[in-house]
Amino acid sequence: MVTATVQTCLHSPHEGGKTMVQIVVEDATGRLNLVFFNQPWRARQLAVGSEVVVFGRTEMYRDARQMTNPVVDLVGDQTGRLVPVYPQSGKAKIGSTEIAGYVAEALERTGRLAEVLPSQFIDELGLVGRTEAFRGYTPPRARGRKTPPGAASPSTSC
């Protein structure tokens, strides 16, 4: 996982109507190339100056570090909470975001879950209840914290 600022963006068409978006991000440790195939909307999403969190496999390509089709979060979008990344099936053509939506709906329909620990232990140990644990971490804004600096989306895009 890398938190960095978008430095450059290049959107180019390829043969057969396919597209490639190349983004360069930078943090205090260096630069990282992000490459997205057939995701032209990434050029609008990842505006120059945006702060992003990316997650994926880093490889060396032409003497530069690169991630191909990484998971991306604009800082302030989902940052500050646990975001599940599910193994994805090429055959099913379903991504983590879609699976997360299905899981959220299933948990919503489930309602309150029965506790397996006595409330005394939950209170003594400062644990969350079973329902809260399954539903996930509460985002900082929901706990009354301010939005992180730089969370506003810049208007410059490539």
N, C-alpha and C. Protein backbone atom coordinates (compact mmCIF):
# COMPACT_ATOMS: atom_id res chain seq x y z
N MET A 1 0.85 -1.17 0.00
CA MET A 1 0.00 0.00 0.00
C MET A 1 0.90 1.23 0.00
N VAL A 2 0.55 2.19 -0.85
CA VAL A 2 1.34 3.41 -1.00
C VAL A 2 0.40 4.60 -0.96
N THR A 3 0.76 5.62 -0.18
CA THR A 3 0.05 6.90 -0.18
C THR A 3 0.94 7.89 -0.89
N ALA A 4 0.44 8.52 -1.95
CA ALA A 4 1.28 9.40 -2.76
C ALA A 4 0.42 10.45 -3.45
N THR A 5 1.10 11.39 -4.12
CA THR A 5 0.43 12.47 -4.84
C THR A 5 0.60 12.26 -6.34
N VAL A 6 -0.47 12.45 -7.10
CA VAL A 6 -0.43 12.29 -8.55
C VAL A 6 0.41 13.43 -9.14
N GLN A 7 1.44 13.06 -9.92
CA GLN A 7 2.33 14.03 -10.55
C GLN A 7 1.98 14.26 -12.02
N THR A 8 1.76 13.16 -12.76
CA THR A 8 1.45 13.28 -14.18
C THR A 8 0.40 12.24 -14.57
N CYS A 9 -0.25 12.51 -15.70
CA CYS A 9 -1.28 11.61 -16.20
C CYS A 9 -1.22 11.63 -17.73
N LEU A 10 -1.18 10.44 -18.33
CA LEU A 10 -1.16 10.32 -19.79
C LEU A 10 -2.20 9.29 -20.19
N HIS A 11 -3.13 9.68 -21.05
CA HIS A 11 -4.21 8.81 -21.52
C HIS A 11 -3.97 8.56 -23.00
N SER A 12 -3.81 7.29 -23.39
CA SER A 12 -3.53 7.02 -24.80
C SER A 12 -4.35 5.85 -25.33
N PRO A 13 -4.90 6.03 -26.55
CA PRO A 13 -5.63 4.92 -27.19
C PRO A 13 -4.64 3.90 -27.75
N HIS A 14 -5.08 2.66 -27.81
CA HIS A 14 -4.27 1.59 -28.39
C HIS A 14 -5.07 0.88 -29.46
N GLU A 15 -4.44 -0.05 -30.12
CA GLU A 15 -5.10 -0.75 -31.22
C GLU A 15 -6.33 -1.50 -30.74
N GLY A 16 -7.31 -1.59 -31.60
CA GLY A 16 -8.54 -2.31 -31.29
C GLY A 16 -9.46 -1.55 -30.35
N GLY A 17 -9.29 -0.23 -30.22
CA GLY A 17 -10.15 0.57 -29.37
C GLY A 17 -9.84 0.49 -27.89
N LYS A 18 -8.76 -0.21 -27.53
CA LYS A 18 -8.38 -0.31 -26.12
C LYS A 18 -7.66 0.96 -25.69
N THR A 19 -7.68 1.22 -24.39
CA THR A 19 -7.02 2.42 -23.88
C THR A 19 -6.04 2.07 -22.77
N MET A 20 -5.10 2.97 -22.55
CA MET A 20 -4.15 2.82 -21.46
C MET A 20 -3.99 4.19 -20.79
N VAL A 21 -4.09 4.20 -19.48
CA VAL A 21 -3.85 5.42 -18.71
C VAL A 21 -2.61 5.17 -17.87
N GLN A 22 -1.64 6.09 -17.99
CA GLN A 22 -0.41 6.00 -17.22
C GLN A 22 -0.36 7.17 -16.25
N ILE A 23 -0.23 6.86 -14.97
CA ILE A 23 -0.19 7.85 -13.91
C ILE A 23 1.14 7.71 -13.19
N VAL A 24 1.77 8.83 -12.87
CA VAL A 24 2.97 8.81 -12.05
C VAL A 24 2.61 9.44 -10.71
N VAL A 25 2.84 8.69 -9.62
CA VAL A 25 2.62 9.21 -8.28
C VAL A 25 3.97 9.29 -7.57
N GLU A 26 4.02 10.14 -6.55
CA GLU A 26 5.28 10.35 -5.85
C GLU A 26 5.01 10.58 -4.37
N ASP A 27 5.90 10.03 -3.54
CA ASP A 27 5.89 10.33 -2.12
C ASP A 27 7.33 10.63 -1.72
N ALA A 28 7.60 10.71 -0.43
CA ALA A 28 8.93 11.07 0.05
C ALA A 28 10.00 10.03 -0.32
N THR A 29 9.57 8.81 -0.63
CA THR A 29 10.54 7.75 -0.94
C THR A 29 10.84 7.61 -2.42
N GLY A 30 10.01 8.19 -3.29
CA GLY A 30 10.26 8.09 -4.72
C GLY A 30 9.01 8.11 -5.56
N ARG A 31 9.17 7.63 -6.81
CA ARG A 31 8.08 7.63 -7.79
C ARG A 31 7.60 6.22 -8.07
N LEU A 32 6.33 6.14 -8.47
CA LEU A 32 5.71 4.87 -8.82
C LEU A 32 4.82 5.10 -10.02
N ASN A 33 4.95 4.25 -11.03
CA ASN A 33 4.08 4.32 -12.21
C ASN A 33 2.86 3.44 -11.97
N LEU A 34 1.69 3.99 -12.28
CA LEU A 34 0.45 3.23 -12.23
C LEU A 34 -0.05 3.10 -13.65
N VAL A 35 -0.38 1.90 -14.06
CA VAL A 35 -0.86 1.67 -15.42
C VAL A 35 -2.23 1.01 -15.34
N PHE A 36 -3.20 1.60 -16.07
CA PHE A 36 -4.56 1.08 -16.10
C PHE A 36 -4.93 0.76 -17.53
N PHE A 37 -5.33 -0.47 -17.79
CA PHE A 37 -5.76 -0.88 -19.12
C PHE A 37 -7.27 -0.88 -19.18
N ASN A 38 -7.83 -0.28 -20.24
CA ASN A 38 -9.27 -0.24 -20.50
C ASN A 38 -10.06 0.37 -19.35
N GLN A 39 -9.49 1.39 -18.71
CA GLN A 39 -10.16 2.14 -17.65
C GLN A 39 -9.96 3.63 -17.92
N PRO A 40 -10.48 4.14 -19.04
CA PRO A 40 -10.22 5.54 -19.40
C PRO A 40 -10.71 6.55 -18.36
N TRP A 41 -11.68 6.19 -17.55
CA TRP A 41 -12.21 7.07 -16.52
C TRP A 41 -11.18 7.36 -15.43
N ARG A 42 -10.12 6.53 -15.35
CA ARG A 42 -9.08 6.78 -14.34
C ARG A 42 -8.38 8.13 -14.60
N ALA A 43 -8.34 8.56 -15.85
CA ALA A 43 -7.71 9.84 -16.18
C ALA A 43 -8.46 11.00 -15.52
N ARG A 44 -9.78 10.89 -15.42
CA ARG A 44 -10.57 11.93 -14.75
C ARG A 44 -10.52 11.78 -13.23
N GLN A 45 -10.52 10.54 -12.77
CA GLN A 45 -10.53 10.27 -11.33
C GLN A 45 -9.23 10.71 -10.66
N LEU A 46 -8.10 10.45 -11.31
CA LEU A 46 -6.80 10.68 -10.70
C LEU A 46 -6.18 11.97 -11.22
N ALA A 47 -6.74 13.07 -10.78
CA ALA A 47 -6.29 14.40 -11.21
C ALA A 47 -4.90 14.71 -10.67
N VAL A 48 -4.12 15.44 -11.45
CA VAL A 48 -2.80 15.88 -11.00
C VAL A 48 -2.98 16.67 -9.70
N GLY A 49 -2.19 16.33 -8.70
CA GLY A 49 -2.27 16.97 -7.39
C GLY A 49 -3.10 16.19 -6.38
N SER A 50 -3.87 15.19 -6.83
CA SER A 50 -4.68 14.37 -5.93
C SER A 50 -3.79 13.52 -5.04
N GLU A 51 -4.23 13.33 -3.81
CA GLU A 51 -3.53 12.40 -2.92
C GLU A 51 -4.32 11.08 -2.98
N VAL A 52 -3.59 9.99 -3.23
CA VAL A 52 -4.23 8.69 -3.41
C VAL A 52 -3.54 7.63 -2.57
N VAL A 53 -4.29 6.57 -2.30
CA VAL A 53 -3.73 5.38 -1.69
C VAL A 53 -3.92 4.28 -2.72
N VAL A 54 -2.83 3.59 -3.07
CA VAL A 54 -2.91 2.51 -4.05
C VAL A 54 -2.41 1.22 -3.42
N PHE A 55 -3.00 0.13 -3.86
CA PHE A 55 -2.64 -1.18 -3.35
C PHE A 55 -2.57 -2.14 -4.52
N GLY A 56 -1.48 -2.88 -4.60
CA GLY A 56 -1.33 -3.87 -5.65
C GLY A 56 0.07 -4.42 -5.65
N ARG A 57 0.34 -5.27 -6.61
CA ARG A 57 1.66 -5.87 -6.74
C ARG A 57 2.58 -4.90 -7.46
N THR A 58 3.72 -4.63 -6.86
CA THR A 58 4.70 -3.74 -7.47
C THR A 58 5.71 -4.58 -8.24
N GLU A 59 5.97 -4.16 -9.48
CA GLU A 59 6.94 -4.84 -10.34
C GLU A 59 7.91 -3.81 -10.90
N MET A 60 9.03 -4.29 -11.39
CA MET A 60 9.97 -3.43 -12.10
C MET A 60 9.67 -3.56 -13.59
N TYR A 61 9.51 -2.41 -14.27
CA TYR A 61 9.28 -2.40 -15.71
C TYR A 61 10.10 -1.24 -16.28
N ARG A 62 11.02 -1.56 -17.16
CA ARG A 62 11.91 -0.56 -17.75
C ARG A 62 12.59 0.28 -16.67
N ASP A 63 13.17 -0.40 -15.70
CA ASP A 63 13.92 0.22 -14.60
C ASP A 63 13.09 1.17 -13.73
N ALA A 64 11.79 0.98 -13.67
CA ALA A 64 10.93 1.82 -12.83
C ALA A 64 9.93 0.92 -12.09
N ARG A 65 9.57 1.33 -10.89
CA ARG A 65 8.54 0.59 -10.14
C ARG A 65 7.18 0.88 -10.75
N GLN A 66 6.38 -0.18 -10.87
CA GLN A 66 5.07 -0.03 -11.52
C GLN A 66 4.04 -0.94 -10.89
N MET A 67 2.80 -0.46 -10.79
CA MET A 67 1.64 -1.27 -10.43
C MET A 67 0.69 -1.24 -11.61
N THR A 68 0.19 -2.40 -11.98
CA THR A 68 -0.76 -2.49 -13.09
C THR A 68 -2.15 -2.75 -12.52
N ASN A 69 -3.10 -1.90 -12.90
CA ASN A 69 -4.49 -1.98 -12.44
C ASN A 69 -4.61 -2.12 -10.92
N PRO A 70 -3.95 -1.23 -10.14
CA PRO A 70 -4.04 -1.36 -8.68
C PRO A 70 -5.41 -0.93 -8.16
N VAL A 71 -5.69 -1.33 -6.92
CA VAL A 71 -6.86 -0.83 -6.20
C VAL A 71 -6.51 0.61 -5.81
N VAL A 72 -7.43 1.55 -6.04
CA VAL A 72 -7.17 2.97 -5.79
C VAL A 72 -8.21 3.54 -4.85
N ASP A 73 -7.75 4.38 -3.94
CA ASP A 73 -8.65 5.13 -3.07
C ASP A 73 -8.16 6.57 -3.03
N LEU A 74 -9.05 7.49 -3.33
CA LEU A 74 -8.72 8.90 -3.16
C LEU A 74 -8.73 9.16 -1.66
N VAL A 75 -7.73 9.83 -1.14
CA VAL A 75 -7.67 10.09 0.29
C VAL A 75 -8.93 10.82 0.71
N GLY A 76 -9.59 10.28 1.71
CA GLY A 76 -10.85 10.86 2.18
C GLY A 76 -12.06 10.11 1.67
N ASP A 77 -11.89 9.28 0.62
CA ASP A 77 -12.99 8.52 0.05
C ASP A 77 -13.32 7.33 0.96
N GLN A 78 -12.40 6.36 1.04
CA GLN A 78 -12.56 5.23 1.94
C GLN A 78 -11.40 5.16 2.93
N THR A 79 -10.47 6.09 2.84
CA THR A 79 -9.31 6.08 3.70
C THR A 79 -9.73 6.25 5.15
N GLY A 80 -9.07 5.55 6.04
CA GLY A 80 -9.38 5.66 7.45
C GLY A 80 -10.33 4.59 7.93
N ARG A 81 -10.68 3.68 7.06
CA ARG A 81 -11.50 2.54 7.48
C ARG A 81 -10.97 1.30 6.79
N LEU A 82 -11.31 0.17 7.33
CA LEU A 82 -10.89 -1.08 6.71
C LEU A 82 -11.70 -1.30 5.44
N VAL A 83 -11.02 -1.60 4.37
CA VAL A 83 -11.68 -1.85 3.10
C VAL A 83 -11.30 -3.26 2.67
N PRO A 84 -12.27 -4.17 2.60
CA PRO A 84 -11.94 -5.54 2.23
C PRO A 84 -11.51 -5.65 0.77
N VAL A 85 -10.53 -6.49 0.53
CA VAL A 85 -10.12 -6.82 -0.83
C VAL A 85 -10.32 -8.32 -0.97
N TYR A 86 -11.25 -8.70 -1.82
CA TYR A 86 -11.61 -10.10 -1.98
C TYR A 86 -10.85 -10.70 -3.16
N PRO A 87 -10.48 -11.98 -3.06
CA PRO A 87 -9.89 -12.62 -4.25
C PRO A 87 -10.90 -12.51 -5.39
N GLN A 88 -10.40 -12.18 -6.56
CA GLN A 88 -11.30 -11.94 -7.67
C GLN A 88 -11.21 -13.07 -8.70
N SER A 89 -12.32 -13.39 -9.26
CA SER A 89 -12.37 -14.45 -10.25
C SER A 89 -12.47 -13.85 -11.64
N GLY A 90 -11.51 -14.20 -12.50
CA GLY A 90 -11.56 -13.75 -13.89
C GLY A 90 -12.78 -14.27 -14.61
N LYS A 91 -13.18 -15.50 -14.27
CA LYS A 91 -14.34 -16.10 -14.92
C LYS A 91 -15.63 -15.38 -14.52
N ALA A 92 -15.74 -15.03 -13.25
CA ALA A 92 -16.96 -14.38 -12.76
C ALA A 92 -17.00 -12.90 -13.11
N LYS A 93 -15.85 -12.31 -13.39
CA LYS A 93 -15.75 -10.88 -13.72
C LYS A 93 -16.43 -10.02 -12.65
N ILE A 94 -16.04 -10.27 -11.41
CA ILE A 94 -16.60 -9.51 -10.29
C ILE A 94 -15.45 -8.98 -9.45
N GLY A 95 -15.54 -7.72 -9.06
CA GLY A 95 -14.46 -7.10 -8.31
C GLY A 95 -14.78 -6.93 -6.84
N SER A 96 -13.79 -6.51 -6.07
CA SER A 96 -13.93 -6.34 -4.63
C SER A 96 -15.03 -5.37 -4.26
N THR A 97 -15.18 -4.28 -5.02
CA THR A 97 -16.20 -3.29 -4.69
C THR A 97 -17.60 -3.89 -4.80
N GLU A 98 -17.82 -4.67 -5.84
CA GLU A 98 -19.13 -5.30 -6.03
C GLU A 98 -19.40 -6.34 -4.95
N ILE A 99 -18.39 -7.16 -4.64
CA ILE A 99 -18.56 -8.16 -3.58
C ILE A 99 -18.83 -7.47 -2.25
N ALA A 100 -18.10 -6.40 -1.97
CA ALA A 100 -18.30 -5.65 -0.72
C ALA A 100 -19.74 -5.14 -0.62
N GLY A 101 -20.31 -4.72 -1.73
CA GLY A 101 -21.70 -4.27 -1.74
C GLY A 101 -22.66 -5.40 -1.38
N TYR A 102 -22.40 -6.59 -1.93
CA TYR A 102 -23.25 -7.74 -1.62
C TYR A 102 -23.12 -8.13 -0.14
N VAL A 103 -21.89 -8.11 0.38
CA VAL A 103 -21.67 -8.45 1.78
C VAL A 103 -22.38 -7.44 2.69
N ALA A 104 -22.27 -6.15 2.35
CA ALA A 104 -22.93 -5.11 3.14
C ALA A 104 -24.44 -5.30 3.16
N GLU A 105 -25.01 -5.64 2.00
CA GLU A 105 -26.45 -5.87 1.93
C GLU A 105 -26.86 -7.09 2.76
N ALA A 106 -26.06 -8.16 2.68
CA ALA A 106 -26.36 -9.37 3.47
C ALA A 106 -26.32 -9.07 4.96
N LEU A 107 -25.31 -8.29 5.39
CA LEU A 107 -25.21 -7.95 6.81
C LEU A 107 -26.37 -7.06 7.25
N GLU A 108 -26.79 -6.17 6.38
CA GLU A 108 -27.93 -5.29 6.69
C GLU A 108 -29.20 -6.12 6.87
N ARG A 109 -29.39 -7.09 6.00
CA ARG A 109 -30.59 -7.93 6.07
C ARG A 109 -30.56 -8.87 7.28
N THR A 110 -29.35 -9.18 7.75
CA THR A 110 -29.20 -10.10 8.88
C THR A 110 -29.73 -9.51 10.17
N GLY A 111 -29.58 -8.20 10.33
CA GLY A 111 -30.03 -7.57 11.58
C GLY A 111 -29.01 -7.78 12.68
N ARG A 112 -29.46 -7.78 13.90
CA ARG A 112 -28.59 -7.91 15.06
C ARG A 112 -28.16 -9.35 15.23
N LEU A 113 -26.86 -9.58 15.42
CA LEU A 113 -26.32 -10.93 15.61
C LEU A 113 -26.28 -11.27 17.10
N ALA A 114 -26.47 -12.53 17.41
CA ALA A 114 -26.40 -12.98 18.80
C ALA A 114 -24.96 -12.89 19.29
N GLU A 115 -24.78 -12.44 20.53
CA GLU A 115 -23.45 -12.36 21.13
C GLU A 115 -23.02 -13.74 21.60
N VAL A 116 -21.75 -14.06 21.42
CA VAL A 116 -21.24 -15.34 21.91
C VAL A 116 -20.47 -15.16 23.21
N LEU A 117 -20.06 -13.93 23.50
CA LEU A 117 -19.38 -13.64 24.76
C LEU A 117 -20.34 -12.94 25.72
N PRO A 118 -20.19 -13.21 27.00
CA PRO A 118 -21.01 -12.48 27.98
C PRO A 118 -20.68 -10.98 27.92
N SER A 119 -21.69 -10.14 28.13
CA SER A 119 -21.51 -8.70 28.05
C SER A 119 -20.46 -8.21 29.05
N GLN A 120 -20.29 -8.91 30.16
CA GLN A 120 -19.27 -8.55 31.15
C GLN A 120 -17.88 -8.56 30.52
N PHE A 121 -17.55 -9.59 29.73
CA PHE A 121 -16.24 -9.67 29.08
C PHE A 121 -16.08 -8.60 28.00
N ILE A 122 -17.13 -8.38 27.27
CA ILE A 122 -17.09 -7.36 26.21
C ILE A 122 -16.77 -6.00 26.82
N ASP A 123 -17.46 -5.67 27.92
CA ASP A 123 -17.24 -4.39 28.59
C ASP A 123 -15.85 -4.31 29.23
N GLU A 124 -15.47 -5.36 29.97
CA GLU A 124 -14.17 -5.38 30.66
C GLU A 124 -12.99 -5.24 29.71
N LEU A 125 -13.09 -5.91 28.58
CA LEU A 125 -11.97 -5.93 27.63
C LEU A 125 -12.05 -4.82 26.59
N GLY A 126 -13.13 -4.02 26.63
CA GLY A 126 -13.27 -2.92 25.68
C GLY A 126 -13.48 -3.40 24.25
N LEU A 127 -14.17 -4.53 24.11
CA LEU A 127 -14.42 -5.09 22.78
C LEU A 127 -15.68 -4.50 22.18
N VAL A 128 -15.82 -4.65 20.87
CA VAL A 128 -17.08 -4.28 20.23
C VAL A 128 -17.94 -5.53 20.17
N GLY A 129 -19.22 -5.34 20.03
CA GLY A 129 -20.13 -6.46 19.93
C GLY A 129 -19.96 -7.20 18.60
N ARG A 130 -20.57 -8.35 18.53
CA ARG A 130 -20.45 -9.21 17.34
C ARG A 130 -21.00 -8.51 16.09
N THR A 131 -22.15 -7.86 16.21
CA THR A 131 -22.74 -7.17 15.05
C THR A 131 -21.81 -6.09 14.54
N GLU A 132 -21.28 -5.28 15.46
CA GLU A 132 -20.38 -4.20 15.06
C GLU A 132 -19.11 -4.75 14.43
N ALA A 133 -18.60 -5.86 14.98
CA ALA A 133 -17.38 -6.47 14.43
C ALA A 133 -17.61 -6.95 13.00
N PHE A 134 -18.76 -7.58 12.74
CA PHE A 134 -19.04 -8.06 11.39
C PHE A 134 -19.31 -6.92 10.42
N ARG A 135 -19.88 -5.85 10.89
CA ARG A 135 -20.19 -4.73 9.99
C ARG A 135 -18.97 -3.88 9.70
N GLY A 136 -17.95 -4.00 10.51
CA GLY A 136 -16.69 -3.32 10.19
C GLY A 136 -16.42 -2.09 11.01
N TYR A 137 -15.33 -1.52 10.68
CA TYR A 137 -14.77 -0.36 11.36
C TYR A 137 -15.58 0.89 11.05
N THR A 138 -15.78 1.76 12.05
CA THR A 138 -16.51 3.01 11.86
C THR A 138 -15.57 4.07 11.30
N PRO A 139 -15.93 4.71 10.19
CA PRO A 139 -15.05 5.75 9.63
C PRO A 139 -14.83 6.89 10.62
N PRO A 140 -13.67 7.56 10.56
CA PRO A 140 -13.36 8.64 11.51
C PRO A 140 -14.42 9.72 11.56
N ARG A 141 -15.01 10.12 10.42
CA ARG A 141 -16.02 11.18 10.42
C ARG A 141 -17.22 10.78 11.27
N ALA A 142 -17.56 9.50 11.27
CA ALA A 142 -18.70 9.03 12.04
C ALA A 142 -18.41 9.09 13.54
N ARG A 143 -17.14 9.14 13.92
CA ARG A 143 -16.76 9.23 15.33
C ARG A 143 -16.53 10.67 15.74
N GLY A 144 -16.82 11.63 14.85
CA GLY A 144 -16.69 13.03 15.20
C GLY A 144 -15.35 13.65 14.84
N ARG A 145 -14.46 12.92 14.18
CA ARG A 145 -13.19 13.49 13.77
C ARG A 145 -13.35 14.27 12.48
N LYS A 146 -12.44 15.17 12.26
CA LYS A 146 -12.48 15.97 11.05
C LYS A 146 -11.96 15.18 9.87
N THR A 147 -12.39 15.58 8.67
CA THR A 147 -11.89 14.98 7.44
C THR A 147 -10.39 15.23 7.34
N PRO A 148 -9.59 14.25 6.90
CA PRO A 148 -8.15 14.44 6.81
C PRO A 148 -7.80 15.59 5.87
N PRO A 149 -6.67 16.30 6.15
CA PRO A 149 -6.25 17.38 5.26
C PRO A 149 -6.03 16.84 3.86
N GLY A 150 -6.38 17.64 2.86
CA GLY A 150 -6.16 17.24 1.46
C GLY A 150 -7.23 16.33 0.92
N ALA A 151 -8.32 16.13 1.67
CA ALA A 151 -9.35 15.21 1.21
C ALA A 151 -10.20 15.79 0.10
N ALA A 152 -10.19 17.10 -0.08
CA ALA A 152 -10.97 17.71 -1.15
C ALA A 152 -10.38 17.34 -2.50
N SER A 153 -11.22 17.11 -3.47
CA SER A 153 -10.75 16.70 -4.79
C SER A 153 -10.28 17.88 -5.61
N PRO A 154 -9.03 17.86 -6.10
CA PRO A 154 -8.57 18.91 -6.99
C PRO A 154 -9.32 18.84 -8.31
N SER A 155 -9.38 19.94 -9.04
CA SER A 155 -10.16 19.97 -10.27
C SER A 155 -9.32 19.72 -11.52
N THR A 156 -8.00 19.63 -11.38
CA THR A 156 -7.15 19.41 -12.54
C THR A 156 -7.13 17.94 -12.90
N SER A 157 -7.33 17.61 -14.17
CA SER A 157 -7.22 16.23 -14.61
C SER A 157 -6.41 16.18 -15.88
N CYS A 158 -6.08 14.97 -16.32
CA CYS A 158 -5.26 14.86 -17.52
C CYS A 158 -6.10 14.75 -18.77
